[in-house]
Every structure is written in C-alpha cells, then in structure tokens.
Amino acid sequence: MPYFVFKYQDEIIRQVELIDSFESFKEAKSLARQLRSENSPNNPDAYKVIFASDKLEAEMLLLEKREAPILKEWEK
C-alpha cells in the first residue's frame, strides 16, 4: 500500500490536495518535511503523510473528524 502526501487547510471546510504518492515511508516523510520547512509561518497550509490502499481512502481518513484523546490525570 502506498503512502500519500497531502496538503490541507484546516478551515471550516477542510480542503485537501494530493501532492504525491510513494511506496516507501522514508521518501514520503522526506517530502513532507521539505514542504513543511519551505512553508512560511503565516501560510495556513499543512502537510500530512497518510498510509492507505488508494487515494480515495487516504482522503477519507484525512477528512475524518477525530475526537480529542482523553487525558489521564498523570498526563496533564
């Protein structure tokens, strides 16, 4: 299964754009880090690496609303 690198903006409606896909995590992580380092602090774009069987599944995972984890007392 490939690794997908997405650019997204976390606004009211999350917008995603596929940048590239790779067979190895190392290459995908390298591209994501490079894109993040080139990004200015005022730019709302973020970059994510998603592992999925195809592009549609990767987009669905990225757009999925996830609840914040519950912190234990010792984690606060």
C-alpha atoms as a PDB file:
ATOM      1  CA  MET A   1       0.000   0.000   0.000  1.00  0.00           C
ATOM      2  CA  PRO A   2       1.327   3.445  -0.874  1.00  0.00           C
ATOM      3  CA  TYR A   3       1.954   6.494   1.279  1.00  0.00           C
ATOM      4  CA  PHE A   4       0.217   9.690   0.161  1.00  0.00           C
ATOM      5  CA  VAL A   5       1.429  13.225   0.871  1.00  0.00           C
ATOM      6  CA  PHE A   6      -1.410  15.746   1.118  1.00  0.00           C
ATOM      7  CA  LYS A   7      -1.549  19.497   1.512  1.00  0.00           C
ATOM      8  CA  TYR A   8      -4.560  20.641   3.509  1.00  0.00           C
ATOM      9  CA  GLN A   9      -6.078  23.726   5.078  1.00  0.00           C
ATOM     10  CA  ASP A  10      -7.953  23.200   8.324  1.00  0.00           C
ATOM     11  CA  GLU A  11     -10.699  25.777   7.922  1.00  0.00           C
ATOM     12  CA  ILE A  12     -14.478  25.451   8.290  1.00  0.00           C
ATOM     13  CA  ILE A  13     -14.440  23.084   5.319  1.00  0.00           C
ATOM     14  CA  ARG A  14     -11.144  21.194   5.158  1.00  0.00           C
ATOM     15  CA  GLN A  15      -9.579  21.356   1.698  1.00  0.00           C
ATOM     16  CA  VAL A  16      -7.145  18.636   0.648  1.00  0.00           C
ATOM     17  CA  GLU A  17      -4.837  18.367  -2.328  1.00  0.00           C
ATOM     18  CA  LEU A  18      -2.727  15.344  -3.248  1.00  0.00           C
ATOM     19  CA  ILE A  19       0.931  16.275  -3.709  1.00  0.00           C
ATOM     20  CA  ASP A  20       2.458  12.866  -4.454  1.00  0.00           C
ATOM     21  CA  SER A  21       2.430   9.179  -3.512  1.00  0.00           C
ATOM     22  CA  PHE A  22       5.328   6.873  -2.620  1.00  0.00           C
ATOM     23  CA  GLU A  23       5.896   3.187  -1.969  1.00  0.00           C
ATOM     24  CA  SER A  24       8.204   3.823   0.996  1.00  0.00           C
ATOM     25  CA  PHE A  25       7.514   5.867   4.115  1.00  0.00           C
ATOM     26  CA  LYS A  26      11.033   7.302   4.128  1.00  0.00           C
ATOM     27  CA  GLU A  27      10.501   9.096   0.791  1.00  0.00           C
ATOM     28  CA  ALA A  28       7.038  10.380   1.792  1.00  0.00           C
ATOM     29  CA  LYS A  29       8.323  11.654   5.146  1.00  0.00           C
ATOM     30  CA  SER A  30      11.243  13.366   3.440  1.00  0.00           C
ATOM     31  CA  LEU A  31       8.961  15.241   1.030  1.00  0.00           C
ATOM     32  CA  ALA A  32       6.565  16.258   3.827  1.00  0.00           C
ATOM     33  CA  ARG A  33       9.439  17.609   5.931  1.00  0.00           C
ATOM     34  CA  GLN A  34      10.845  19.521   2.968  1.00  0.00           C
ATOM     35  CA  LEU A  35       7.449  21.098   2.213  1.00  0.00           C
ATOM     36  CA  ARG A  36       6.920  21.994   5.885  1.00  0.00           C
ATOM     37  CA  SER A  37      10.335  23.672   6.098  1.00  0.00           C
ATOM     38  CA  GLU A  38       9.648  25.741   2.963  1.00  0.00           C
ATOM     39  CA  ASN A  39       6.268  26.855   4.353  1.00  0.00           C
ATOM     40  CA  SER A  40       6.131  30.328   5.929  1.00  0.00           C
ATOM     41  CA  PRO A  41       4.624  30.687   9.445  1.00  0.00           C
ATOM     42  CA  ASN A  42       1.767  32.847   8.083  1.00  0.00           C
ATOM     43  CA  ASN A  43       0.733  30.238   5.496  1.00  0.00           C
ATOM     44  CA  PRO A  44      -2.268  28.136   6.679  1.00  0.00           C
ATOM     45  CA  ASP A  45      -1.228  25.088   4.620  1.00  0.00           C
ATOM     46  CA  ALA A  46      -0.223  21.921   6.455  1.00  0.00           C
ATOM     47  CA  TYR A  47       1.221  18.667   5.085  1.00  0.00           C
ATOM     48  CA  LYS A  48       0.326  15.121   6.136  1.00  0.00           C
ATOM     49  CA  VAL A  49       1.508  11.641   5.215  1.00  0.00           C
ATOM     50  CA  ILE A  50      -1.323   9.097   5.023  1.00  0.00           C
ATOM     51  CA  PHE A  51      -0.973   5.323   4.612  1.00  0.00           C
ATOM     52  CA  ALA A  52      -3.913   3.867   2.654  1.00  0.00           C
ATOM     53  CA  SER A  53      -4.782   1.409  -0.079  1.00  0.00           C
ATOM     54  CA  ASP A  54      -5.838   4.123  -2.546  1.00  0.00           C
ATOM     55  CA  LYS A  55      -6.266   7.895  -2.931  1.00  0.00           C
ATOM     56  CA  LEU A  56      -9.967   7.873  -2.012  1.00  0.00           C
ATOM     57  CA  GLU A  57      -9.375   6.023   1.256  1.00  0.00           C
ATOM     58  CA  ALA A  58      -6.497   8.387   2.095  1.00  0.00           C
ATOM     59  CA  GLU A  59      -8.722  11.435   1.537  1.00  0.00           C
ATOM     60  CA  MET A  60     -11.474   9.923   3.684  1.00  0.00           C
ATOM     61  CA  LEU A  61      -9.013   9.260   6.516  1.00  0.00           C
ATOM     62  CA  LEU A  62      -7.705  12.810   6.313  1.00  0.00           C
ATOM     63  CA  LEU A  63     -11.185  14.365   6.259  1.00  0.00           C
ATOM     64  CA  GLU A  64     -12.464  12.182   9.101  1.00  0.00           C
ATOM     65  CA  LYS A  65     -13.401  14.137  12.210  1.00  0.00           C
ATOM     66  CA  ARG A  66     -11.480  12.695  15.149  1.00  0.00           C
ATOM     67  CA  GLU A  67     -12.275  13.347  18.770  1.00  0.00           C
ATOM     68  CA  ALA A  68      -9.562  14.696  21.047  1.00  0.00           C
ATOM     69  CA  PRO A  69      -7.982  11.985  23.206  1.00  0.00           C
ATOM     70  CA  ILE A  70      -8.996  11.812  26.842  1.00  0.00           C
ATOM     71  CA  LEU A  71      -6.080  12.831  29.046  1.00  0.00           C
ATOM     72  CA  LYS A  72      -5.383  10.811  32.146  1.00  0.00           C
ATOM     73  CA  GLU A  73      -4.700  12.630  35.399  1.00  0.00           C
ATOM     74  CA  TRP A  74      -0.942  11.961  35.195  1.00  0.00           C
ATOM     75  CA  GLU A  75      -0.746  13.263  31.595  1.00  0.00           C
ATOM     76  CA  LYS A  76      -1.976  16.775  32.483  1.00  0.00           C
END
